[in-house]
């Protein structure tokens, strides 16, 4: 792996406005609306500010039907050249695929899975 391993995070929320107010107040930042990358699943997203030239990952608050806040509701995405390659290794390593490789519009592709400890994580690639 030639890059830093984490490329994105998501914090799932039940009340997007309440979470926005909280994180903007605590971090003294302004969150930015992101359109639904799937254009069909009714996902609401507010992105944290980012500097693509700087160190570290950025992410978003996400409200999505069927995904509750709390517990296992923070999702870390690992950078991949093609997330299908790493995704194909998950079940053989003892994990479980939750979402096969799927497009997220102009932002590339993701795979979502559970590790052997029951932690959900994601894989992201541009192709």
C-alpha atoms as a PDB file:
ATOM      1  CA  UNK A   1       0.000   0.000   0.000  1.00  0.00           C
ATOM      2  CA  UNK A   2       1.729   3.178  -1.148  1.00  0.00           C
ATOM      3  CA  UNK A   3      -0.829   5.698   0.198  1.00  0.00           C
ATOM      4  CA  UNK A   4      -2.129   6.286   3.694  1.00  0.00           C
ATOM      5  CA  UNK A   5      -4.638   3.487   4.306  1.00  0.00           C
ATOM      6  CA  UNK A   6      -7.725   5.517   5.242  1.00  0.00           C
ATOM      7  CA  UNK A   7      -9.290   7.691   2.563  1.00  0.00           C
ATOM      8  CA  UNK A   8     -12.775   8.514   3.901  1.00  0.00           C
ATOM      9  CA  UNK A   9     -15.035   8.121   6.925  1.00  0.00           C
ATOM     10  CA  UNK A  10     -18.769   8.294   7.480  1.00  0.00           C
ATOM     11  CA  UNK A  11     -20.605   8.967  10.727  1.00  0.00           C
ATOM     12  CA  UNK A  12     -24.162   7.671  10.456  1.00  0.00           C
ATOM     13  CA  UNK A  13     -26.786   9.819  12.166  1.00  0.00           C
ATOM     14  CA  UNK A  14     -30.507   9.701  12.913  1.00  0.00           C
ATOM     15  CA  UNK A  15     -31.066  13.472  12.881  1.00  0.00           C
ATOM     16  CA  UNK A  16     -28.858  15.155  10.285  1.00  0.00           C
ATOM     17  CA  UNK A  17     -29.638  18.715  11.383  1.00  0.00           C
ATOM     18  CA  UNK A  18     -28.916  17.955  15.048  1.00  0.00           C
ATOM     19  CA  UNK A  19     -25.628  16.237  14.128  1.00  0.00           C
ATOM     20  CA  UNK A  20     -24.685  19.122  11.825  1.00  0.00           C
ATOM     21  CA  UNK A  21     -25.278  21.632  14.608  1.00  0.00           C
ATOM     22  CA  UNK A  22     -23.204  19.542  17.034  1.00  0.00           C
ATOM     23  CA  UNK A  23     -20.167  18.979  14.777  1.00  0.00           C
ATOM     24  CA  UNK A  24     -20.138  22.552  13.465  1.00  0.00           C
ATOM     25  CA  UNK A  25     -20.180  23.857  17.040  1.00  0.00           C
ATOM     26  CA  UNK A  26     -17.568  21.437  18.390  1.00  0.00           C
ATOM     27  CA  UNK A  27     -15.149  21.628  15.449  1.00  0.00           C
ATOM     28  CA  UNK A  28     -15.881  25.240  14.436  1.00  0.00           C
ATOM     29  CA  UNK A  29     -16.349  24.255  10.790  1.00  0.00           C
ATOM     30  CA  UNK A  30     -19.102  24.518   8.205  1.00  0.00           C
ATOM     31  CA  UNK A  31     -20.362  21.242   6.765  1.00  0.00           C
ATOM     32  CA  UNK A  32     -21.131  21.181   3.062  1.00  0.00           C
ATOM     33  CA  UNK A  33     -24.126  19.459   1.430  1.00  0.00           C
ATOM     34  CA  UNK A  34     -23.216  16.525  -0.829  1.00  0.00           C
ATOM     35  CA  UNK A  35     -25.715  15.196  -3.335  1.00  0.00           C
ATOM     36  CA  UNK A  36     -26.829  11.565  -3.054  1.00  0.00           C
ATOM     37  CA  UNK A  37     -24.017   9.708  -4.869  1.00  0.00           C
ATOM     38  CA  UNK A  38     -26.332   6.801  -5.717  1.00  0.00           C
ATOM     39  CA  UNK A  39     -29.132   9.103  -6.936  1.00  0.00           C
ATOM     40  CA  UNK A  40     -31.662   6.482  -5.843  1.00  0.00           C
ATOM     41  CA  UNK A  41     -31.271   5.456  -2.216  1.00  0.00           C
ATOM     42  CA  UNK A  42     -32.252   8.711  -0.498  1.00  0.00           C
ATOM     43  CA  UNK A  43     -28.924   9.242   1.201  1.00  0.00           C
ATOM     44  CA  UNK A  44     -28.377  12.647   2.845  1.00  0.00           C
ATOM     45  CA  UNK A  45     -24.763  13.712   3.353  1.00  0.00           C
ATOM     46  CA  UNK A  46     -22.940  16.682   4.845  1.00  0.00           C
ATOM     47  CA  UNK A  47     -19.184  16.729   4.227  1.00  0.00           C
ATOM     48  CA  UNK A  48     -16.531  17.956   6.577  1.00  0.00           C
ATOM     49  CA  UNK A  49     -14.229  20.581   5.020  1.00  0.00           C
ATOM     50  CA  UNK A  50     -11.194  19.171   3.275  1.00  0.00           C
ATOM     51  CA  UNK A  51      -7.853  20.152   1.868  1.00  0.00           C
ATOM     52  CA  UNK A  52      -6.841  17.558  -0.706  1.00  0.00           C
ATOM     53  CA  UNK A  53      -3.243  18.819  -0.521  1.00  0.00           C
ATOM     54  CA  UNK A  54      -3.041  18.316   3.249  1.00  0.00           C
ATOM     55  CA  UNK A  55      -2.465  15.265   5.415  1.00  0.00           C
ATOM     56  CA  UNK A  56      -5.350  13.134   6.632  1.00  0.00           C
ATOM     57  CA  UNK A  57      -8.741  11.927   5.520  1.00  0.00           C
ATOM     58  CA  UNK A  58     -12.051  13.715   5.275  1.00  0.00           C
ATOM     59  CA  UNK A  59     -15.562  12.382   5.588  1.00  0.00           C
ATOM     60  CA  UNK A  60     -19.229  13.138   6.091  1.00  0.00           C
ATOM     61  CA  UNK A  61     -22.265  12.870   8.300  1.00  0.00           C
ATOM     62  CA  UNK A  62     -24.686  10.477   6.609  1.00  0.00           C
ATOM     63  CA  UNK A  63     -28.408   9.869   7.091  1.00  0.00           C
ATOM     64  CA  UNK A  64     -29.586   6.724   5.335  1.00  0.00           C
ATOM     65  CA  UNK A  65     -32.739   4.717   5.862  1.00  0.00           C
ATOM     66  CA  UNK A  66     -32.030   1.408   7.566  1.00  0.00           C
ATOM     67  CA  UNK A  67     -28.745   2.544   9.144  1.00  0.00           C
ATOM     68  CA  UNK A  68     -29.073   3.762  12.729  1.00  0.00           C
ATOM     69  CA  UNK A  69     -26.688   5.959  14.652  1.00  0.00           C
ATOM     70  CA  UNK A  70     -24.739   4.636  17.618  1.00  0.00           C
ATOM     71  CA  UNK A  71     -22.967   1.343  18.059  1.00  0.00           C
ATOM     72  CA  UNK A  72     -21.253   0.401  14.818  1.00  0.00           C
ATOM     73  CA  UNK A  73     -22.223   3.560  12.954  1.00  0.00           C
ATOM     74  CA  UNK A  74     -18.849   5.016  12.010  1.00  0.00           C
ATOM     75  CA  UNK A  75     -17.510   3.640   8.764  1.00  0.00           C
ATOM     76  CA  UNK A  76     -13.866   3.874   7.694  1.00  0.00           C
ATOM     77  CA  UNK A  77     -13.047   3.414   4.002  1.00  0.00           C
ATOM     78  CA  UNK A  78      -9.697   2.056   2.879  1.00  0.00           C
ATOM     79  CA  UNK A  79      -8.198   3.275  -0.400  1.00  0.00           C
ATOM     80  CA  UNK A  80      -7.827   0.691  -3.198  1.00  0.00           C
ATOM     81  CA  UNK A  81      -6.852   0.704  -6.854  1.00  0.00           C
ATOM     82  CA  UNK A  82      -9.946  -1.433  -7.598  1.00  0.00           C
ATOM     83  CA  UNK A  83     -12.107  -2.237  -4.566  1.00  0.00           C
ATOM     84  CA  UNK A  84     -13.374  -5.418  -6.243  1.00  0.00           C
ATOM     85  CA  UNK A  85      -9.899  -6.973  -5.837  1.00  0.00           C
ATOM     86  CA  UNK A  86      -9.742  -6.439  -2.068  1.00  0.00           C
ATOM     87  CA  UNK A  87     -13.468  -7.179  -1.829  1.00  0.00           C
ATOM     88  CA  UNK A  88     -12.880 -10.605  -3.337  1.00  0.00           C
ATOM     89  CA  UNK A  89     -10.563 -11.431  -0.412  1.00  0.00           C
ATOM     90  CA  UNK A  90     -13.027 -10.601   2.378  1.00  0.00           C
ATOM     91  CA  UNK A  91     -14.983 -13.837   2.709  1.00  0.00           C
ATOM     92  CA  UNK A  92     -11.851 -15.972   2.371  1.00  0.00           C
ATOM     93  CA  UNK A  93     -10.353 -14.069   5.284  1.00  0.00           C
ATOM     94  CA  UNK A  94     -13.433 -14.729   7.443  1.00  0.00           C
ATOM     95  CA  UNK A  95     -15.379 -11.531   6.812  1.00  0.00           C
ATOM     96  CA  UNK A  96     -18.749 -10.912   5.187  1.00  0.00           C
ATOM     97  CA  UNK A  97     -19.713  -8.733   2.229  1.00  0.00           C
ATOM     98  CA  UNK A  98     -22.556  -6.365   3.081  1.00  0.00           C
ATOM     99  CA  UNK A  99     -22.541  -4.517  -0.270  1.00  0.00           C
ATOM    100  CA  UNK A 100     -20.764  -5.792  -3.376  1.00  0.00           C
ATOM    101  CA  UNK A 101     -18.869  -3.246  -5.467  1.00  0.00           C
ATOM    102  CA  UNK A 102     -21.281  -0.506  -6.451  1.00  0.00           C
ATOM    103  CA  UNK A 103     -20.909   2.828  -8.209  1.00  0.00           C
ATOM    104  CA  UNK A 104     -21.252   6.052  -6.240  1.00  0.00           C
ATOM    105  CA  UNK A 105     -21.456   8.375  -9.202  1.00  0.00           C
ATOM    106  CA  UNK A 106     -18.545  10.669  -9.921  1.00  0.00           C
ATOM    107  CA  UNK A 107     -16.897   9.578  -6.653  1.00  0.00           C
ATOM    108  CA  UNK A 108     -15.985   6.078  -7.856  1.00  0.00           C
ATOM    109  CA  UNK A 109     -16.951   2.741  -6.308  1.00  0.00           C
ATOM    110  CA  UNK A 110     -17.313   1.162  -2.885  1.00  0.00           C
ATOM    111  CA  UNK A 111     -17.568  -2.222  -1.201  1.00  0.00           C
ATOM    112  CA  UNK A 112     -18.966  -2.438   2.343  1.00  0.00           C
ATOM    113  CA  UNK A 113     -18.134  -5.420   4.557  1.00  0.00           C
ATOM    114  CA  UNK A 114     -17.935  -6.781   8.097  1.00  0.00           C
ATOM    115  CA  UNK A 115     -14.624  -7.886   9.535  1.00  0.00           C
ATOM    116  CA  UNK A 116     -14.147 -10.963  11.715  1.00  0.00           C
ATOM    117  CA  UNK A 117     -14.924  -8.908  14.841  1.00  0.00           C
ATOM    118  CA  UNK A 118     -18.249  -7.566  13.595  1.00  0.00           C
ATOM    119  CA  UNK A 119     -16.905  -4.137  12.603  1.00  0.00           C
ATOM    120  CA  UNK A 120     -18.242  -2.663   9.391  1.00  0.00           C
ATOM    121  CA  UNK A 121     -15.715  -1.060   7.034  1.00  0.00           C
ATOM    122  CA  UNK A 122     -15.563   0.088   3.443  1.00  0.00           C
ATOM    123  CA  UNK A 123     -13.273  -0.132   0.455  1.00  0.00           C
ATOM    124  CA  UNK A 124     -13.116   2.722  -2.059  1.00  0.00           C
ATOM    125  CA  UNK A 125     -11.647   3.052  -5.527  1.00  0.00           C
ATOM    126  CA  UNK A 126     -12.025   5.389  -8.457  1.00  0.00           C
ATOM    127  CA  UNK A 127     -12.432   2.496 -10.883  1.00  0.00           C
END
